[in-house]
Amino acid sequence: MSRISATFKQLSSQGRKALIPFFSVGDPTLALCVPTMHAMVKGGANLIELGVPFSDPMADGPTIQRSSERALKNGVSLRDVLHAAAEFRKTDDQTPLVLMGYANPVEQMGRAEFARVCAESGVDGVLIVDYPPDEARDLALHLAPRHVDSIFLLSPTSTDARMREISEMATGYIYYVSLRGVTGAGNIDVKDVAQQIGRIKAVAKVPIGVGFGIRDGATARLLSEVADAVVVGSRIVEEIEASAAAEVPARVGALLNQFRIAMDA
C-alpha cells in the first residue's frame, strides 16, 4: 500500500479528512522549502503537494504564477524539487508527497528518468496538469512499477465519459477543481461541489480531494463533509508572499493549523 493510500485509510478510520497544502518549491527560497514542509506537517497537513516552478502555468491564477516566477528567479528546477523531496524524506518517512506541475519539465528530463528519480526521492504521486489522457497513460506505465501514484484533475465541465476514463486511470486520489477558472478565483458553490463529487464517487475507486479557491477554515470544513480531502494553495502562497522569509515556516504552519482545527471541529 502506498503512503497516499495508507494515509487516507488511516484518516477514514478516524473519521477525519485529509488537509493537503500546496506551495511552489523555491518560494521564497529553496533553503526554506524543507523547513516549511515540516512546519506544514506540524500544523496538521496530511499530505503535501510540491509545485514545480514553470514559466507558463496555464491553470494557475496570478498568486501562484507570481510564486512560480519567484522560484524561477531563484534558479529552481525540477531536479531541485526532487532533491527537496529527498531531503524531507531523511526526517519524515510518513507524510506523502505529490509533485504538481506541467509536462514541459518532465519531457525535458524524459519520462523514464523522471519516474526513476521520483521514486528514489521519496515522491508518492504525480499530477501533471496538461497531459492529455493518452500521454498520461504512457507516464503512468513508468510510474506504476515504481509505486508512484498517478493523480488526475476533474472539473465542473468534465463529462460522464471523462469521469469514467479518469476513474479507471487514477491511483492515489482524484483532484476535483471546484471552480470554472484558475486557482484562487471566484467563490465556491458548496452545494454544486457536493453534487459533482457525488457523480465522481459513483465511478471512482480512489478518494476525492477538492481544491481551487479554498481560503478559510469555514469553507474547508463544509467541503470536508463531502470530499475526502481539502487542498489549500493560493491562500498559503499569499501567506508566504506577505511574510518575511525567516517567518515563513512558522506562519504557514500556524495558518494550516487554523484549517486543521476547523476541519476537525
C-alpha atoms as a PDB file:
ATOM      1  CA  MET A   1       0.000   0.000   0.000  1.00  0.00           C
ATOM      2  CA  SER A   2       1.351   3.421  -0.965  1.00  0.00           C
ATOM      3  CA  ARG A   3       1.834   6.193   1.585  1.00  0.00           C
ATOM      4  CA  ILE A   4      -1.086   8.041  -0.012  1.00  0.00           C
ATOM      5  CA  SER A   5      -3.472   5.097   0.285  1.00  0.00           C
ATOM      6  CA  ALA A   6      -2.289   4.356   3.816  1.00  0.00           C
ATOM      7  CA  THR A   7      -2.851   7.975   4.866  1.00  0.00           C
ATOM      8  CA  PHE A   8      -6.397   8.092   3.517  1.00  0.00           C
ATOM      9  CA  LYS A   9      -7.178   4.719   5.096  1.00  0.00           C
ATOM     10  CA  GLN A  10      -5.910   5.850   8.496  1.00  0.00           C
ATOM     11  CA  LEU A  11      -7.834   9.133   8.338  1.00  0.00           C
ATOM     12  CA  SER A  12     -11.016   7.341   7.294  1.00  0.00           C
ATOM     13  CA  SER A  13     -10.734   5.026  10.301  1.00  0.00           C
ATOM     14  CA  GLN A  14     -10.537   8.139  12.491  1.00  0.00           C
ATOM     15  CA  GLY A  15     -13.486   9.844  10.799  1.00  0.00           C
ATOM     16  CA  ARG A  16     -11.213  12.656   9.586  1.00  0.00           C
ATOM     17  CA  LYS A  17     -10.400  14.194   6.216  1.00  0.00           C
ATOM     18  CA  ALA A  18      -7.036  14.988   4.647  1.00  0.00           C
ATOM     19  CA  LEU A  19      -5.626  18.509   4.645  1.00  0.00           C
ATOM     20  CA  ILE A  20      -3.352  18.985   1.620  1.00  0.00           C
ATOM     21  CA  PRO A  21      -1.315  22.192   1.299  1.00  0.00           C
ATOM     22  CA  PHE A  22       0.323  23.316  -1.951  1.00  0.00           C
ATOM     23  CA  PHE A  23       3.231  25.703  -2.453  1.00  0.00           C
ATOM     24  CA  SER A  24       5.810  26.419  -5.144  1.00  0.00           C
ATOM     25  CA  VAL A  25       9.167  24.930  -4.231  1.00  0.00           C
ATOM     26  CA  GLY A  26      11.777  27.696  -4.117  1.00  0.00           C
ATOM     27  CA  ASP A  27       9.414  30.436  -2.950  1.00  0.00           C
ATOM     28  CA  PRO A  28      10.651  32.422  -1.139  1.00  0.00           C
ATOM     29  CA  THR A  29      13.952  30.459  -1.180  1.00  0.00           C
ATOM     30  CA  LEU A  30      14.962  26.883  -1.826  1.00  0.00           C
ATOM     31  CA  ALA A  31      16.634  26.689   1.594  1.00  0.00           C
ATOM     32  CA  LEU A  32      13.292  27.336   3.326  1.00  0.00           C
ATOM     33  CA  CYS A  33      11.452  24.601   1.440  1.00  0.00           C
ATOM     34  CA  VAL A  34      12.102  21.657   3.751  1.00  0.00           C
ATOM     35  CA  PRO A  35      11.606  23.659   6.996  1.00  0.00           C
ATOM     36  CA  THR A  36       8.280  24.882   5.578  1.00  0.00           C
ATOM     37  CA  MET A  37       7.248  21.317   4.733  1.00  0.00           C
ATOM     38  CA  HIS A  38       7.961  20.188   8.281  1.00  0.00           C
ATOM     39  CA  ALA A  39       6.005  23.171   9.645  1.00  0.00           C
ATOM     40  CA  MET A  40       3.084  22.163   7.430  1.00  0.00           C
ATOM     41  CA  VAL A  41       3.062  18.682   8.932  1.00  0.00           C
ATOM     42  CA  LYS A  42       3.278  20.096  12.451  1.00  0.00           C
ATOM     43  CA  GLY A  43       0.371  22.404  11.592  1.00  0.00           C
ATOM     44  CA  GLY A  44      -1.836  19.482  10.576  1.00  0.00           C
ATOM     45  CA  ALA A  45      -1.061  18.681   6.925  1.00  0.00           C
ATOM     46  CA  ASN A  46      -1.596  15.035   5.988  1.00  0.00           C
ATOM     47  CA  LEU A  47      -0.059  15.207   2.514  1.00  0.00           C
ATOM     48  CA  ILE A  48       1.936  17.906   0.700  1.00  0.00           C
ATOM     49  CA  GLU A  49       1.715  18.990  -2.940  1.00  0.00           C
ATOM     50  CA  LEU A  50       5.009  20.377  -4.208  1.00  0.00           C
ATOM     51  CA  GLY A  51       4.597  22.849  -7.052  1.00  0.00           C
ATOM     52  CA  VAL A  52       7.223  22.533  -9.782  1.00  0.00           C
ATOM     53  CA  PRO A  53       8.004  26.083 -10.985  1.00  0.00           C
ATOM     54  CA  PHE A  54       7.094  26.666 -14.622  1.00  0.00           C
ATOM     55  CA  SER A  55       7.153  29.761 -16.813  1.00  0.00           C
ATOM     56  CA  ASP A  56       3.674  29.328 -18.350  1.00  0.00           C
ATOM     57  CA  PRO A  57       1.358  27.796 -15.697  1.00  0.00           C
ATOM     58  CA  MET A  58      -1.972  27.803 -17.546  1.00  0.00           C
ATOM     59  CA  ALA A  59      -4.139  26.517 -14.677  1.00  0.00           C
ATOM     60  CA  ASP A  60      -2.767  28.857 -12.021  1.00  0.00           C
ATOM     61  CA  GLY A  61      -4.085  32.252 -11.079  1.00  0.00           C
ATOM     62  CA  PRO A  62      -1.885  35.324 -10.517  1.00  0.00           C
ATOM     63  CA  THR A  63      -0.953  34.458  -6.921  1.00  0.00           C
ATOM     64  CA  ILE A  64       0.582  31.090  -7.773  1.00  0.00           C
ATOM     65  CA  GLN A  65       2.004  32.464 -11.031  1.00  0.00           C
ATOM     66  CA  ARG A  66       3.936  35.036  -9.009  1.00  0.00           C
ATOM     67  CA  SER A  67       5.239  32.363  -6.664  1.00  0.00           C
ATOM     68  CA  SER A  68       6.390  30.278  -9.616  1.00  0.00           C
ATOM     69  CA  GLU A  69       8.153  33.313 -11.108  1.00  0.00           C
ATOM     70  CA  ARG A  70       9.936  33.988  -7.803  1.00  0.00           C
ATOM     71  CA  ALA A  71      11.107  30.371  -7.665  1.00  0.00           C
ATOM     72  CA  LEU A  72      12.337  30.501 -11.264  1.00  0.00           C
ATOM     73  CA  LYS A  73      14.273  33.698 -10.477  1.00  0.00           C
ATOM     74  CA  ASN A  74      15.911  31.684  -7.698  1.00  0.00           C
ATOM     75  CA  GLY A  75      17.021  29.185 -10.348  1.00  0.00           C
ATOM     76  CA  VAL A  76      14.813  26.357  -9.072  1.00  0.00           C
ATOM     77  CA  SER A  77      14.402  23.415 -11.448  1.00  0.00           C
ATOM     78  CA  LEU A  78      12.544  20.102 -11.434  1.00  0.00           C
ATOM     79  CA  ARG A  79      15.665  18.385 -10.089  1.00  0.00           C
ATOM     80  CA  ASP A  80      15.768  20.891  -7.223  1.00  0.00           C
ATOM     81  CA  VAL A  81      12.177  19.974  -6.343  1.00  0.00           C
ATOM     82  CA  LEU A  82      13.071  16.285  -6.352  1.00  0.00           C
ATOM     83  CA  HIS A  83      16.135  16.998  -4.212  1.00  0.00           C
ATOM     84  CA  ALA A  84      13.947  18.863  -1.703  1.00  0.00           C
ATOM     85  CA  ALA A  85      11.664  15.825  -1.515  1.00  0.00           C
ATOM     86  CA  ALA A  86      14.675  13.600  -0.835  1.00  0.00           C
ATOM     87  CA  GLU A  87      15.899  15.946   1.914  1.00  0.00           C
ATOM     88  CA  PHE A  88      12.453  15.947   3.543  1.00  0.00           C
ATOM     89  CA  ARG A  89      12.429  12.137   3.454  1.00  0.00           C
ATOM     90  CA  LYS A  90      15.559  11.978   5.614  1.00  0.00           C
ATOM     91  CA  THR A  91      13.488  13.039   8.635  1.00  0.00           C
ATOM     92  CA  ASP A  92       9.909  12.220   7.607  1.00  0.00           C
ATOM     93  CA  ASP A  93       9.163   8.875   6.005  1.00  0.00           C
ATOM     94  CA  GLN A  94       5.396   9.006   6.609  1.00  0.00           C
ATOM     95  CA  THR A  95       3.919  12.149   5.017  1.00  0.00           C
ATOM     96  CA  PRO A  96       3.023  11.580   1.346  1.00  0.00           C
ATOM     97  CA  LEU A  97       4.497  13.946  -1.230  1.00  0.00           C
ATOM     98  CA  VAL A  98       2.911  14.761  -4.599  1.00  0.00           C
ATOM     99  CA  LEU A  99       4.605  16.659  -7.410  1.00  0.00           C
ATOM    100  CA  MET A 100       2.223  19.016  -9.198  1.00  0.00           C
ATOM    101  CA  GLY A 101       3.278  20.716 -12.382  1.00  0.00           C
ATOM    102  CA  TYR A 102       3.348  20.784 -16.159  1.00  0.00           C
ATOM    103  CA  ALA A 103       4.549  18.470 -18.900  1.00  0.00           C
ATOM    104  CA  ASN A 104       7.439  20.519 -20.280  1.00  0.00           C
ATOM    105  CA  PRO A 105       9.964  19.906 -17.447  1.00  0.00           C
ATOM    106  CA  VAL A 106       9.022  16.203 -17.398  1.00  0.00           C
ATOM    107  CA  GLU A 107       9.543  15.892 -21.147  1.00  0.00           C
ATOM    108  CA  GLN A 108      12.902  17.643 -20.890  1.00  0.00           C
ATOM    109  CA  MET A 109      14.044  15.165 -18.261  1.00  0.00           C
ATOM    110  CA  GLY A 110      12.459  12.167 -20.013  1.00  0.00           C
ATOM    111  CA  ARG A 111       9.540  10.198 -18.624  1.00  0.00           C
ATOM    112  CA  ALA A 112      11.509   7.111 -17.630  1.00  0.00           C
ATOM    113  CA  GLU A 113      14.182   9.177 -15.874  1.00  0.00           C
ATOM    114  CA  PHE A 114      11.528  11.297 -14.204  1.00  0.00           C
ATOM    115  CA  ALA A 115       9.780   8.220 -12.817  1.00  0.00           C
ATOM    116  CA  ARG A 116      13.072   6.784 -11.586  1.00  0.00           C
ATOM    117  CA  VAL A 117      14.130   9.952  -9.762  1.00  0.00           C
ATOM    118  CA  CYS A 118      10.648  10.447  -8.293  1.00  0.00           C
ATOM    119  CA  ALA A 119      10.785   7.005  -6.718  1.00  0.00           C
ATOM    120  CA  GLU A 120      14.359   7.466  -5.487  1.00  0.00           C
ATOM    121  CA  SER A 121      13.462  10.855  -3.978  1.00  0.00           C
ATOM    122  CA  GLY A 122      10.514   9.516  -1.995  1.00  0.00           C
ATOM    123  CA  VAL A 123       7.790  11.113  -4.127  1.00  0.00           C
ATOM    124  CA  ASP A 124       4.481   9.255  -3.778  1.00  0.00           C
ATOM    125  CA  GLY A 125       2.349  10.776  -6.529  1.00  0.00           C
ATOM    126  CA  VAL A 126       2.479  12.926  -9.639  1.00  0.00           C
ATOM    127  CA  LEU A 127      -0.127  15.328 -11.032  1.00  0.00           C
ATOM    128  CA  ILE A 128       0.760  16.763 -14.441  1.00  0.00           C
ATOM    129  CA  VAL A 129      -1.883  19.327 -15.306  1.00  0.00           C
ATOM    130  CA  ASP A 130      -1.533  19.469 -19.085  1.00  0.00           C
ATOM    131  CA  TYR A 131      -1.031  15.857 -20.150  1.00  0.00           C
ATOM    132  CA  PRO A 132      -3.976  14.578 -22.182  1.00  0.00           C
ATOM    133  CA  PRO A 133      -5.145  11.101 -21.102  1.00  0.00           C
ATOM    134  CA  ASP A 134      -3.125   9.206 -23.723  1.00  0.00           C
ATOM    135  CA  GLU A 135       0.111  10.901 -22.660  1.00  0.00           C
ATOM    136  CA  ALA A 136      -0.790  10.409 -19.008  1.00  0.00           C
ATOM    137  CA  ARG A 137      -1.258   6.691 -19.616  1.00  0.00           C
ATOM    138  CA  ASP A 138       2.236   6.482 -21.014  1.00  0.00           C
ATOM    139  CA  LEU A 139       3.716   8.281 -18.000  1.00  0.00           C
ATOM    140  CA  ALA A 140       1.729   6.000 -15.682  1.00  0.00           C
ATOM    141  CA  LEU A 141       3.413   2.993 -17.296  1.00  0.00           C
ATOM    142  CA  HIS A 142       6.708   4.374 -16.000  1.00  0.00           C
ATOM    143  CA  LEU A 143       5.380   5.431 -12.592  1.00  0.00           C
ATOM    144  CA  ALA A 144       3.302   2.394 -11.600  1.00  0.00           C
ATOM    145  CA  PRO A 145       6.146  -0.180 -11.435  1.00  0.00           C
ATOM    146  CA  ARG A 146       7.946   2.220  -9.104  1.00  0.00           C
ATOM    147  CA  HIS A 147       4.849   2.537  -6.871  1.00  0.00           C
ATOM    148  CA  VAL A 148       4.314   6.229  -7.674  1.00  0.00           C
ATOM    149  CA  ASP A 149       0.630   7.170  -7.984  1.00  0.00           C
ATOM    150  CA  SER A 150      -0.861   8.941 -10.998  1.00  0.00           C
ATOM    151  CA  ILE A 151      -3.233  11.708  -9.886  1.00  0.00           C
ATOM    152  CA  PHE A 152      -5.664  13.492 -12.194  1.00  0.00           C
ATOM    153  CA  LEU A 153      -7.885  16.557 -12.283  1.00  0.00           C
ATOM    154  CA  LEU A 154     -11.618  16.626 -12.877  1.00  0.00           C
ATOM    155  CA  SER A 155     -13.616  19.827 -13.171  1.00  0.00           C
ATOM    156  CA  PRO A 156     -17.223  21.119 -13.238  1.00  0.00           C
ATOM    157  CA  THR A 157     -17.177  20.751 -17.022  1.00  0.00           C
ATOM    158  CA  SER A 158     -15.965  17.128 -17.058  1.00  0.00           C
ATOM    159  CA  THR A 159     -18.327  14.797 -18.898  1.00  0.00           C
ATOM    160  CA  ASP A 160     -19.521  11.466 -17.534  1.00  0.00           C
ATOM    161  CA  ALA A 161     -17.258   9.767 -20.086  1.00  0.00           C
ATOM    162  CA  ARG A 162     -14.213  11.712 -18.877  1.00  0.00           C
ATOM    163  CA  MET A 163     -15.081  10.923 -15.255  1.00  0.00           C
ATOM    164  CA  ARG A 164     -15.172   7.210 -16.075  1.00  0.00           C
ATOM    165  CA  GLU A 165     -11.901   7.442 -18.019  1.00  0.00           C
ATOM    166  CA  ILE A 166     -10.067   9.272 -15.242  1.00  0.00           C
ATOM    167  CA  SER A 167     -11.535   6.975 -12.594  1.00  0.00           C
ATOM    168  CA  GLU A 168     -10.083   3.994 -14.429  1.00  0.00           C
ATOM    169  CA  MET A 169      -6.646   5.615 -14.658  1.00  0.00           C
ATOM    170  CA  ALA A 170      -6.315   7.344 -11.284  1.00  0.00           C
ATOM    171  CA  THR A 171      -4.397   5.981  -8.328  1.00  0.00           C
ATOM    172  CA  GLY A 172      -3.830   7.764  -5.014  1.00  0.00           C
ATOM    173  CA  TYR A 173      -6.676  10.271  -5.299  1.00  0.00           C
ATOM    174  CA  ILE A 174      -8.574  12.420  -7.781  1.00  0.00           C
ATOM    175  CA  TYR A 175      -8.308  16.207  -7.524  1.00  0.00           C
ATOM    176  CA  TYR A 176     -11.659  17.891  -8.191  1.00  0.00           C
ATOM    177  CA  VAL A 177     -11.355  21.516  -9.298  1.00  0.00           C
ATOM    178  CA  SER A 178     -14.161  23.359  -7.520  1.00  0.00           C
ATOM    179  CA  LEU A 179     -14.267  26.374  -9.860  1.00  0.00           C
ATOM    180  CA  ARG A 180     -14.572  27.180 -13.533  1.00  0.00           C
ATOM    181  CA  GLY A 181     -11.356  29.159 -13.815  1.00  0.00           C
ATOM    182  CA  VAL A 182      -7.852  29.328 -12.401  1.00  0.00           C
ATOM    183  CA  THR A 183      -6.549  28.800  -8.872  1.00  0.00           C
ATOM    184  CA  GLY A 184      -7.642  31.330  -6.276  1.00  0.00           C
ATOM    185  CA  ALA A 185     -10.534  32.678  -8.339  1.00  0.00           C
ATOM    186  CA  GLY A 186     -14.211  33.160  -7.532  1.00  0.00           C
ATOM    187  CA  ASN A 187     -16.458  31.865  -4.780  1.00  0.00           C
ATOM    188  CA  ILE A 188     -17.191  28.200  -4.231  1.00  0.00           C
ATOM    189  CA  ASP A 189     -20.736  26.880  -4.529  1.00  0.00           C
ATOM    190  CA  VAL A 190     -20.563  24.124  -1.911  1.00  0.00           C
ATOM    191  CA  LYS A 191     -23.898  22.644  -2.967  1.00  0.00           C
ATOM    192  CA  ASP A 192     -22.702  22.318  -6.563  1.00  0.00           C
ATOM    193  CA  VAL A 193     -19.389  20.802  -5.421  1.00  0.00           C
ATOM    194  CA  ALA A 194     -21.263  18.227  -3.346  1.00  0.00           C
ATOM    195  CA  GLN A 195     -23.363  17.255  -6.347  1.00  0.00           C
ATOM    196  CA  GLN A 196     -20.337  16.918  -8.620  1.00  0.00           C
ATOM    197  CA  ILE A 197     -18.367  14.895  -6.088  1.00  0.00           C
ATOM    198  CA  GLY A 198     -21.341  12.561  -5.795  1.00  0.00           C
ATOM    199  CA  ARG A 199     -21.127  11.964  -9.548  1.00  0.00           C
ATOM    200  CA  ILE A 200     -17.411  11.210  -9.315  1.00  0.00           C
ATOM    201  CA  LYS A 201     -17.744   8.911  -6.319  1.00  0.00           C
ATOM    202  CA  ALA A 202     -20.284   6.846  -8.248  1.00  0.00           C
ATOM    203  CA  VAL A 203     -17.455   5.689 -10.529  1.00  0.00           C
ATOM    204  CA  ALA A 204     -14.202   6.456  -8.671  1.00  0.00           C
ATOM    205  CA  LYS A 205     -12.052   3.830  -6.987  1.00  0.00           C
ATOM    206  CA  VAL A 206      -9.911   6.300  -5.035  1.00  0.00           C
ATOM    207  CA  PRO A 207     -10.569   9.194  -2.615  1.00  0.00           C
ATOM    208  CA  ILE A 208     -11.631  12.612  -3.896  1.00  0.00           C
ATOM    209  CA  GLY A 209      -9.857  15.829  -2.937  1.00  0.00           C
ATOM    210  CA  VAL A 210     -11.247  19.267  -3.713  1.00  0.00           C
ATOM    211  CA  GLY A 211      -9.247  22.430  -4.330  1.00  0.00           C
ATOM    212  CA  PHE A 212      -9.098  25.863  -6.044  1.00  0.00           C
ATOM    213  CA  GLY A 213     -10.469  28.838  -4.116  1.00  0.00           C
ATOM    214  CA  ILE A 214     -10.481  27.429  -0.559  1.00  0.00           C
ATOM    215  CA  ARG A 215      -9.472  30.404   1.516  1.00  0.00           C
ATOM    216  CA  ASP A 216     -10.716  29.836   5.070  1.00  0.00           C
ATOM    217  CA  GLY A 217     -11.400  27.174   7.628  1.00  0.00           C
ATOM    218  CA  ALA A 218     -15.167  27.506   7.395  1.00  0.00           C
ATOM    219  CA  THR A 219     -15.162  26.645   3.685  1.00  0.00           C
ATOM    220  CA  ALA A 220     -12.676  23.850   4.264  1.00  0.00           C
ATOM    221  CA  ARG A 221     -14.949  22.365   6.912  1.00  0.00           C
ATOM    222  CA  LEU A 222     -18.008  22.455   4.645  1.00  0.00           C
ATOM    223  CA  LEU A 223     -16.119  20.823   1.792  1.00  0.00           C
ATOM    224  CA  SER A 224     -14.597  18.183   4.062  1.00  0.00           C
ATOM    225  CA  GLU A 225     -18.138  16.984   4.739  1.00  0.00           C
ATOM    226  CA  VAL A 226     -18.488  15.915   1.090  1.00  0.00           C
ATOM    227  CA  ALA A 227     -14.890  15.255  -0.022  1.00  0.00           C
ATOM    228  CA  ASP A 228     -12.090  13.072   1.329  1.00  0.00           C
ATOM    229  CA  ALA A 229      -9.514  15.861   1.221  1.00  0.00           C
ATOM    230  CA  VAL A 230      -9.239  19.629   1.017  1.00  0.00           C
ATOM    231  CA  VAL A 231      -6.416  21.233  -0.971  1.00  0.00           C
ATOM    232  CA  VAL A 232      -5.256  24.734   0.008  1.00  0.00           C
ATOM    233  CA  GLY A 233      -2.886  26.530  -2.357  1.00  0.00           C
ATOM    234  CA  SER A 234      -3.328  30.214  -3.150  1.00  0.00           C
ATOM    235  CA  ARG A 235      -4.092  31.136   0.469  1.00  0.00           C
ATOM    236  CA  ILE A 236      -0.813  29.554   1.578  1.00  0.00           C
ATOM    237  CA  VAL A 237       1.132  31.271  -1.188  1.00  0.00           C
ATOM    238  CA  GLU A 238      -0.376  34.611  -0.124  1.00  0.00           C
ATOM    239  CA  GLU A 239       0.881  33.979   3.410  1.00  0.00           C
ATOM    240  CA  ILE A 240       4.362  33.263   2.064  1.00  0.00           C
ATOM    241  CA  GLU A 241       4.232  36.397  -0.089  1.00  0.00           C
ATOM    242  CA  ALA A 242       3.260  38.569   2.880  1.00  0.00           C
ATOM    243  CA  SER A 243       5.857  37.148   5.285  1.00  0.00           C
ATOM    244  CA  ALA A 244       9.479  37.936   5.977  1.00  0.00           C
ATOM    245  CA  ALA A 245      11.478  34.949   4.743  1.00  0.00           C
ATOM    246  CA  ALA A 246      12.570  33.816   8.196  1.00  0.00           C
ATOM    247  CA  GLU A 247       8.941  33.799   9.380  1.00  0.00           C
ATOM    248  CA  VAL A 248       7.558  31.690   6.521  1.00  0.00           C
ATOM    249  CA  PRO A 249       7.658  28.230   8.166  1.00  0.00           C
ATOM    250  CA  ALA A 250       6.030  29.405  11.386  1.00  0.00           C
ATOM    251  CA  ARG A 251       3.356  31.500   9.687  1.00  0.00           C
ATOM    252  CA  VAL A 252       2.455  28.787   7.176  1.00  0.00           C
ATOM    253  CA  GLY A 253       2.282  26.201   9.944  1.00  0.00           C
ATOM    254  CA  ALA A 254       0.019  28.449  12.030  1.00  0.00           C
ATOM    255  CA  LEU A 255      -2.263  29.122   9.052  1.00  0.00           C
ATOM    256  CA  LEU A 256      -2.628  25.425   8.310  1.00  0.00           C
ATOM    257  CA  ASN A 257      -3.404  24.741  11.940  1.00  0.00           C
ATOM    258  CA  GLN A 258      -6.418  27.053  11.620  1.00  0.00           C
ATOM    259  CA  PHE A 259      -7.689  24.958   8.712  1.00  0.00           C
ATOM    260  CA  ARG A 260      -6.982  21.735  10.618  1.00  0.00           C
ATOM    261  CA  ILE A 261      -8.889  22.889  13.703  1.00  0.00           C
ATOM    262  CA  ALA A 262     -11.874  23.973  11.592  1.00  0.00           C
ATOM    263  CA  MET A 263     -11.954  20.672   9.676  1.00  0.00           C
ATOM    264  CA  ASP A 264     -11.768  18.612  12.879  1.00  0.00           C
ATOM    265  CA  ALA A 265     -14.329  20.665  14.781  1.00  0.00           C
END
